[in-house]
C-alpha atoms as a PDB file:
ATOM      1  CA  UNK A   1       0.001   0.023   0.009  1.00  0.00           C
ATOM      2  CA  UNK A   2       1.343   3.891  -0.710  1.00  0.00           C
ATOM      3  CA  UNK A   3       0.968   6.500   1.941  1.00  0.00           C
ATOM      4  CA  UNK A   4      -2.148   8.472   1.362  1.00  0.00           C
ATOM      5  CA  UNK A   5      -0.652  11.726   1.768  1.00  0.00           C
ATOM      6  CA  UNK A   6       3.217  11.347   0.380  1.00  0.00           C
ATOM      7  CA  UNK A   7       2.556   8.437  -2.014  1.00  0.00           C
ATOM      8  CA  UNK A   8       5.515   6.374  -0.676  1.00  0.00           C
ATOM      9  CA  UNK A   9       5.204   2.726  -0.076  1.00  0.00           C
ATOM     10  CA  UNK A  10       3.815   1.454   3.339  1.00  0.00           C
ATOM     11  CA  UNK A  11       5.403  -1.874   4.209  1.00  0.00           C
ATOM     12  CA  UNK A  12       3.035  -3.084   6.997  1.00  0.00           C
ATOM     13  CA  UNK A  13       1.224  -6.688   8.514  1.00  0.00           C
ATOM     14  CA  UNK A  14      -2.675  -5.971   8.036  1.00  0.00           C
ATOM     15  CA  UNK A  15      -5.045  -8.597   8.452  1.00  0.00           C
ATOM     16  CA  UNK A  16      -7.540  -9.017   5.868  1.00  0.00           C
ATOM     17  CA  UNK A  17     -10.275  -7.284   7.949  1.00  0.00           C
ATOM     18  CA  UNK A  18      -7.587  -4.215   8.824  1.00  0.00           C
ATOM     19  CA  UNK A  19      -7.065  -4.127   5.015  1.00  0.00           C
ATOM     20  CA  UNK A  20     -10.719  -3.354   4.313  1.00  0.00           C
ATOM     21  CA  UNK A  21     -11.492  -1.145   7.364  1.00  0.00           C
ATOM     22  CA  UNK A  22      -8.357   0.861   6.836  1.00  0.00           C
ATOM     23  CA  UNK A  23      -8.327   1.864   3.269  1.00  0.00           C
ATOM     24  CA  UNK A  24      -6.533   5.098   3.402  1.00  0.00           C
ATOM     25  CA  UNK A  25      -3.008   4.606   6.039  1.00  0.00           C
ATOM     26  CA  UNK A  26      -0.309   7.575   6.593  1.00  0.00           C
ATOM     27  CA  UNK A  27       3.332   6.260   6.694  1.00  0.00           C
ATOM     28  CA  UNK A  28       4.962   6.835  10.092  1.00  0.00           C
ATOM     29  CA  UNK A  29       6.701  10.100   9.008  1.00  0.00           C
ATOM     30  CA  UNK A  30       3.163  11.609   7.665  1.00  0.00           C
ATOM     31  CA  UNK A  31       1.470  10.597  11.088  1.00  0.00           C
ATOM     32  CA  UNK A  32       3.983  12.768  12.566  1.00  0.00           C
ATOM     33  CA  UNK A  33       2.913  15.922  10.485  1.00  0.00           C
ATOM     34  CA  UNK A  34      -0.134  15.819  11.966  1.00  0.00           C
ATOM     35  CA  UNK A  35      -0.813  17.054  15.585  1.00  0.00           C
ATOM     36  CA  UNK A  36      -4.291  15.606  16.764  1.00  0.00           C
ATOM     37  CA  UNK A  37      -6.626  17.742  18.938  1.00  0.00           C
ATOM     38  CA  UNK A  38      -8.345  14.681  20.314  1.00  0.00           C
ATOM     39  CA  UNK A  39      -8.166  14.021  23.967  1.00  0.00           C
ATOM     40  CA  UNK A  40      -6.643  17.702  24.598  1.00  0.00           C
ATOM     41  CA  UNK A  41      -8.397  20.191  26.418  1.00  0.00           C
ATOM     42  CA  UNK A  42     -10.284  23.090  24.376  1.00  0.00           C
ATOM     43  CA  UNK A  43     -12.227  25.867  24.272  1.00  0.00           C
ATOM     44  CA  UNK A  44     -15.857  24.537  24.415  1.00  0.00           C
ATOM     45  CA  UNK A  45     -16.482  27.234  21.809  1.00  0.00           C
ATOM     46  CA  UNK A  46     -14.076  27.282  19.049  1.00  0.00           C
ATOM     47  CA  UNK A  47     -12.034  24.190  19.680  1.00  0.00           C
ATOM     48  CA  UNK A  48      -8.750  25.689  20.346  1.00  0.00           C
ATOM     49  CA  UNK A  49      -6.357  23.841  22.441  1.00  0.00           C
ATOM     50  CA  UNK A  50      -6.724  25.937  26.053  1.00  0.00           C
ATOM     51  CA  UNK A  51      -7.560  25.485  29.543  1.00  0.00           C
ATOM     52  CA  UNK A  52     -11.090  24.521  28.814  1.00  0.00           C
ATOM     53  CA  UNK A  53     -12.488  27.707  28.977  1.00  0.00           C
ATOM     54  CA  UNK A  54     -14.253  30.070  26.435  1.00  0.00           C
ATOM     55  CA  UNK A  55     -11.349  32.029  24.831  1.00  0.00           C
ATOM     56  CA  UNK A  56     -11.368  36.016  24.356  1.00  0.00           C
ATOM     57  CA  UNK A  57     -12.298  35.428  20.439  1.00  0.00           C
ATOM     58  CA  UNK A  58     -15.258  33.276  21.697  1.00  0.00           C
ATOM     59  CA  UNK A  59     -16.715  35.804  24.185  1.00  0.00           C
ATOM     60  CA  UNK A  60     -16.619  38.576  21.695  1.00  0.00           C
ATOM     61  CA  UNK A  61     -18.388  36.213  19.811  1.00  0.00           C
ATOM     62  CA  UNK A  62     -20.705  35.873  22.268  1.00  0.00           C
ATOM     63  CA  UNK A  63     -21.361  39.722  22.611  1.00  0.00           C
ATOM     64  CA  UNK A  64     -21.711  40.151  18.880  1.00  0.00           C
ATOM     65  CA  UNK A  65     -23.781  37.275  17.845  1.00  0.00           C
ATOM     66  CA  UNK A  66     -25.344  36.314  21.028  1.00  0.00           C
ATOM     67  CA  UNK A  67     -23.952  32.532  21.050  1.00  0.00           C
ATOM     68  CA  UNK A  68     -20.645  30.674  20.477  1.00  0.00           C
ATOM     69  CA  UNK A  69     -20.112  27.880  17.975  1.00  0.00           C
ATOM     70  CA  UNK A  70     -19.650  24.427  19.020  1.00  0.00           C
ATOM     71  CA  UNK A  71     -16.705  24.094  16.727  1.00  0.00           C
ATOM     72  CA  UNK A  72     -14.415  20.675  17.072  1.00  0.00           C
ATOM     73  CA  UNK A  73     -11.287  20.286  14.807  1.00  0.00           C
ATOM     74  CA  UNK A  74      -9.038  17.353  14.225  1.00  0.00           C
ATOM     75  CA  UNK A  75      -5.621  18.620  14.246  1.00  0.00           C
ATOM     76  CA  UNK A  76      -3.484  21.737  15.135  1.00  0.00           C
ATOM     77  CA  UNK A  77      -2.782  24.465  12.422  1.00  0.00           C
ATOM     78  CA  UNK A  78       0.830  23.903  13.002  1.00  0.00           C
ATOM     79  CA  UNK A  79       3.463  23.840  10.344  1.00  0.00           C
ATOM     80  CA  UNK A  80       3.075  20.289   9.686  1.00  0.00           C
ATOM     81  CA  UNK A  81      -0.675  21.035   8.836  1.00  0.00           C
ATOM     82  CA  UNK A  82       0.335  24.289   6.762  1.00  0.00           C
ATOM     83  CA  UNK A  83       2.514  22.364   4.672  1.00  0.00           C
ATOM     84  CA  UNK A  84      -0.146  19.800   3.703  1.00  0.00           C
ATOM     85  CA  UNK A  85      -2.873  22.376   3.209  1.00  0.00           C
ATOM     86  CA  UNK A  86      -0.466  24.591   0.983  1.00  0.00           C
ATOM     87  CA  UNK A  87       0.079  21.527  -1.327  1.00  0.00           C
ATOM     88  CA  UNK A  88      -3.347  20.229  -1.582  1.00  0.00           C
ATOM     89  CA  UNK A  89      -5.414  23.749  -1.630  1.00  0.00           C
ATOM     90  CA  UNK A  90      -3.365  26.099  -3.071  1.00  0.00           C
ATOM     91  CA  UNK A  91      -0.965  24.014  -5.108  1.00  0.00           C
ATOM     92  CA  UNK A  92      -3.945  21.746  -6.189  1.00  0.00           C
ATOM     93  CA  UNK A  93      -2.632  18.463  -5.301  1.00  0.00           C
ATOM     94  CA  UNK A  94      -5.800  16.329  -5.496  1.00  0.00           C
ATOM     95  CA  UNK A  95      -4.102  13.400  -4.331  1.00  0.00           C
ATOM     96  CA  UNK A  96      -3.738  14.649  -1.040  1.00  0.00           C
ATOM     97  CA  UNK A  97      -7.354  14.573  -0.302  1.00  0.00           C
ATOM     98  CA  UNK A  98      -6.830  11.324   1.207  1.00  0.00           C
ATOM     99  CA  UNK A  99      -4.426  12.129   3.691  1.00  0.00           C
ATOM    100  CA  UNK A 100      -6.597  11.741   6.927  1.00  0.00           C
ATOM    101  CA  UNK A 101      -9.627  10.109   5.210  1.00  0.00           C
ATOM    102  CA  UNK A 102      -9.542   7.343   8.181  1.00  0.00           C
ATOM    103  CA  UNK A 103      -9.814   9.974  10.863  1.00  0.00           C
ATOM    104  CA  UNK A 104     -12.097  12.158   9.373  1.00  0.00           C
ATOM    105  CA  UNK A 105     -14.686   9.225   8.944  1.00  0.00           C
ATOM    106  CA  UNK A 106     -14.240   8.043  12.618  1.00  0.00           C
ATOM    107  CA  UNK A 107     -14.604  11.711  13.909  1.00  0.00           C
ATOM    108  CA  UNK A 108     -17.891  11.803  11.908  1.00  0.00           C
ATOM    109  CA  UNK A 109     -19.431   8.881  13.532  1.00  0.00           C
ATOM    110  CA  UNK A 110     -20.098  11.098  16.253  1.00  0.00           C
ATOM    111  CA  UNK A 111     -22.232  13.012  14.129  1.00  0.00           C
ATOM    112  CA  UNK A 112     -24.432  10.388  12.724  1.00  0.00           C
ATOM    113  CA  UNK A 113     -28.132  12.481  13.269  1.00  0.00           C
ATOM    114  CA  UNK A 114     -26.363  15.713  11.361  1.00  0.00           C
ATOM    115  CA  UNK A 115     -26.516  16.749   8.039  1.00  0.00           C
ATOM    116  CA  UNK A 116     -23.022  17.298   6.998  1.00  0.00           C
ATOM    117  CA  UNK A 117     -22.725  20.690   5.428  1.00  0.00           C
ATOM    118  CA  UNK A 118     -19.412  21.460   3.435  1.00  0.00           C
ATOM    119  CA  UNK A 119     -18.818  25.357   2.961  1.00  0.00           C
ATOM    120  CA  UNK A 120     -19.007  26.104  -0.773  1.00  0.00           C
ATOM    121  CA  UNK A 121     -16.628  28.041  -3.073  1.00  0.00           C
ATOM    122  CA  UNK A 122     -17.443  30.537  -5.561  1.00  0.00           C
ATOM    123  CA  UNK A 123     -17.695  29.698  -9.055  1.00  0.00           C
ATOM    124  CA  UNK A 124     -14.518  31.464  -9.755  1.00  0.00           C
ATOM    125  CA  UNK A 125     -12.786  29.777  -6.940  1.00  0.00           C
ATOM    126  CA  UNK A 126     -13.768  26.466  -8.343  1.00  0.00           C
ATOM    127  CA  UNK A 127     -12.887  26.988 -11.593  1.00  0.00           C
ATOM    128  CA  UNK A 128      -9.523  28.219 -10.361  1.00  0.00           C
ATOM    129  CA  UNK A 129      -8.888  25.082  -8.254  1.00  0.00           C
ATOM    130  CA  UNK A 130     -10.880  22.627  -9.914  1.00  0.00           C
ATOM    131  CA  UNK A 131     -12.575  20.711  -6.962  1.00  0.00           C
ATOM    132  CA  UNK A 132     -13.980  21.974  -3.624  1.00  0.00           C
ATOM    133  CA  UNK A 133     -10.976  21.043  -0.969  1.00  0.00           C
ATOM    134  CA  UNK A 134     -13.452  20.146   1.597  1.00  0.00           C
ATOM    135  CA  UNK A 135     -16.010  18.214  -0.266  1.00  0.00           C
ATOM    136  CA  UNK A 136     -13.002  15.988  -1.912  1.00  0.00           C
ATOM    137  CA  UNK A 137     -11.931  15.214   1.455  1.00  0.00           C
ATOM    138  CA  UNK A 138     -15.528  14.051   2.514  1.00  0.00           C
ATOM    139  CA  UNK A 139     -15.578  11.966  -0.721  1.00  0.00           C
ATOM    140  CA  UNK A 140     -12.460  10.094   0.139  1.00  0.00           C
ATOM    141  CA  UNK A 141     -13.818   9.181   3.485  1.00  0.00           C
ATOM    142  CA  UNK A 142     -16.918   8.138   2.004  1.00  0.00           C
ATOM    143  CA  UNK A 143     -18.972  10.272   3.861  1.00  0.00           C
ATOM    144  CA  UNK A 144     -22.181  11.674   2.449  1.00  0.00           C
ATOM    145  CA  UNK A 145     -22.871  15.304   2.603  1.00  0.00           C
ATOM    146  CA  UNK A 146     -25.619  17.857   1.289  1.00  0.00           C
ATOM    147  CA  UNK A 147     -25.095  21.213  -0.555  1.00  0.00           C
ATOM    148  CA  UNK A 148     -27.139  23.519   1.437  1.00  0.00           C
ATOM    149  CA  UNK A 149     -25.028  26.829   0.727  1.00  0.00           C
ATOM    150  CA  UNK A 150     -24.152  28.868  -2.120  1.00  0.00           C
ATOM    151  CA  UNK A 151     -22.009  31.957  -2.346  1.00  0.00           C
ATOM    152  CA  UNK A 152     -23.835  35.264  -3.444  1.00  0.00           C
ATOM    153  CA  UNK A 153     -20.730  36.314  -5.609  1.00  0.00           C
ATOM    154  CA  UNK A 154     -17.164  35.972  -6.144  1.00  0.00           C
ATOM    155  CA  UNK A 155     -14.790  37.622  -3.402  1.00  0.00           C
ATOM    156  CA  UNK A 156     -11.022  37.614  -2.929  1.00  0.00           C
ATOM    157  CA  UNK A 157     -10.232  34.347  -1.009  1.00  0.00           C
ATOM    158  CA  UNK A 158      -9.885  34.488   2.641  1.00  0.00           C
ATOM    159  CA  UNK A 159      -6.364  33.613   2.631  1.00  0.00           C
ATOM    160  CA  UNK A 160      -5.496  36.975   1.039  1.00  0.00           C
ATOM    161  CA  UNK A 161      -7.447  39.074   3.528  1.00  0.00           C
ATOM    162  CA  UNK A 162      -6.315  39.996   7.080  1.00  0.00           C
ATOM    163  CA  UNK A 163      -7.727  39.512  10.351  1.00  0.00           C
ATOM    164  CA  UNK A 164      -9.949  42.489  10.184  1.00  0.00           C
ATOM    165  CA  UNK A 165     -11.036  42.379   6.790  1.00  0.00           C
ATOM    166  CA  UNK A 166     -12.116  38.625   7.570  1.00  0.00           C
ATOM    167  CA  UNK A 167     -14.351  40.296  10.334  1.00  0.00           C
ATOM    168  CA  UNK A 168     -15.523  42.612   8.263  1.00  0.00           C
ATOM    169  CA  UNK A 169     -17.007  40.509   5.268  1.00  0.00           C
ATOM    170  CA  UNK A 170     -20.481  40.839   4.622  1.00  0.00           C
ATOM    171  CA  UNK A 171     -22.423  37.917   4.428  1.00  0.00           C
ATOM    172  CA  UNK A 172     -21.291  35.855   1.378  1.00  0.00           C
ATOM    173  CA  UNK A 173     -24.078  32.790   1.542  1.00  0.00           C
ATOM    174  CA  UNK A 174     -27.545  31.697   0.682  1.00  0.00           C
ATOM    175  CA  UNK A 175     -29.777  29.134   1.196  1.00  0.00           C
ATOM    176  CA  UNK A 176     -29.511  26.531  -1.705  1.00  0.00           C
ATOM    177  CA  UNK A 177     -32.718  25.375  -2.457  1.00  0.00           C
ATOM    178  CA  UNK A 178     -36.029  24.792  -0.613  1.00  0.00           C
ATOM    179  CA  UNK A 179     -35.686  25.661   3.283  1.00  0.00           C
ATOM    180  CA  UNK A 180     -37.885  22.711   4.094  1.00  0.00           C
ATOM    181  CA  UNK A 181     -34.721  20.634   3.827  1.00  0.00           C
ATOM    182  CA  UNK A 182     -33.098  22.146   6.849  1.00  0.00           C
ATOM    183  CA  UNK A 183     -36.203  22.680   8.931  1.00  0.00           C
ATOM    184  CA  UNK A 184     -35.972  21.167  12.423  1.00  0.00           C
ATOM    185  CA  UNK A 185     -32.674  19.409  11.475  1.00  0.00           C
ATOM    186  CA  UNK A 186     -29.556  19.291  13.324  1.00  0.00           C
ATOM    187  CA  UNK A 187     -26.545  20.577  10.552  1.00  0.00           C
ATOM    188  CA  UNK A 188     -22.680  20.223  10.803  1.00  0.00           C
ATOM    189  CA  UNK A 189     -20.934  22.669   9.075  1.00  0.00           C
ATOM    190  CA  UNK A 190     -17.445  21.342   7.737  1.00  0.00           C
ATOM    191  CA  UNK A 191     -14.692  23.788   6.624  1.00  0.00           C
ATOM    192  CA  UNK A 192     -10.771  23.155   6.138  1.00  0.00           C
ATOM    193  CA  UNK A 193      -9.796  25.759   8.589  1.00  0.00           C
ATOM    194  CA  UNK A 194     -10.962  27.590  11.693  1.00  0.00           C
ATOM    195  CA  UNK A 195      -9.097  31.168  11.650  1.00  0.00           C
ATOM    196  CA  UNK A 196     -11.339  33.789  12.808  1.00  0.00           C
ATOM    197  CA  UNK A 197     -14.878  32.051  13.093  1.00  0.00           C
ATOM    198  CA  UNK A 198     -16.343  34.564  10.514  1.00  0.00           C
ATOM    199  CA  UNK A 199     -17.073  32.215   7.726  1.00  0.00           C
ATOM    200  CA  UNK A 200     -18.594  29.683  10.340  1.00  0.00           C
ATOM    201  CA  UNK A 201     -20.829  32.031  11.430  1.00  0.00           C
ATOM    202  CA  UNK A 202     -22.144  33.433   8.352  1.00  0.00           C
ATOM    203  CA  UNK A 203     -23.048  29.824   7.710  1.00  0.00           C
ATOM    204  CA  UNK A 204     -24.575  28.899  10.949  1.00  0.00           C
ATOM    205  CA  UNK A 205     -26.570  32.570  10.869  1.00  0.00           C
ATOM    206  CA  UNK A 206     -28.667  31.262   7.072  1.00  0.00           C
ATOM    207  CA  UNK A 207     -29.003  27.887   8.524  1.00  0.00           C
ATOM    208  CA  UNK A 208     -30.791  29.034  11.495  1.00  0.00           C
ATOM    209  CA  UNK A 209     -32.412  31.692   9.756  1.00  0.00           C
ATOM    210  CA  UNK A 210     -34.087  28.935   7.593  1.00  0.00           C
ATOM    211  CA  UNK A 211     -35.235  26.550  10.283  1.00  0.00           C
ATOM    212  CA  UNK A 212     -32.547  24.346  11.507  1.00  0.00           C
ATOM    213  CA  UNK A 213     -33.137  23.345  14.631  1.00  0.00           C
ATOM    214  CA  UNK A 214     -28.654  23.049  15.846  1.00  0.00           C
ATOM    215  CA  UNK A 215     -26.144  24.194  13.875  1.00  0.00           C
ATOM    216  CA  UNK A 216     -22.225  22.939  15.040  1.00  0.00           C
ATOM    217  CA  UNK A 217     -19.009  23.039  12.963  1.00  0.00           C
ATOM    218  CA  UNK A 218     -16.196  20.756  12.064  1.00  0.00           C
ATOM    219  CA  UNK A 219     -13.033  21.706  11.144  1.00  0.00           C
ATOM    220  CA  UNK A 220      -9.945  20.245   9.828  1.00  0.00           C
ATOM    221  CA  UNK A 221      -7.753  22.226  11.943  1.00  0.00           C
ATOM    222  CA  UNK A 222      -7.869  24.915  14.567  1.00  0.00           C
END
């Protein structure tokens, strides 16, 4: 088998059951690249590693929006994760969508009663990249999802904005389709990185306004 991140050969003694249950594997070196957040003490709002209390960012969101997100993240946004997302999202190495498919699928088992809602790309961004980086990871993990949101217009990529510009960003989303499909449903928004939280709050606002019962979020990194 090959490493699902760097594509090098993996020599491992797997049973037949393990072979079918673990379709995507990381080599030892790539396992060290991603720092899991699971089992650590985190902010109950954004999922940042801290002492288990609401961080200053989430306290400000509470003042602005009247609530905090229940965001959870798979990994710490550190140098290793930055290398992965640079190669995958910005340089377009589509093979890297499988890098942590097993971990993502396992985490999403905790949300079996939620509709999975990936953050959409603008048409311009999709044309440039050729794929939605979040949807590609969900498909690599064999997880079903619903396209519930769409962007109203193209804008500069979030990565090109500073913190102030991100926080001042106007509502970019609208509901895709009829509101009946989300009314009284629990929805999990999925995005690649939690930075300021602005994107997730915009998305949750639209979902709540259209009748969602509860909205939480999961990001690949925080």
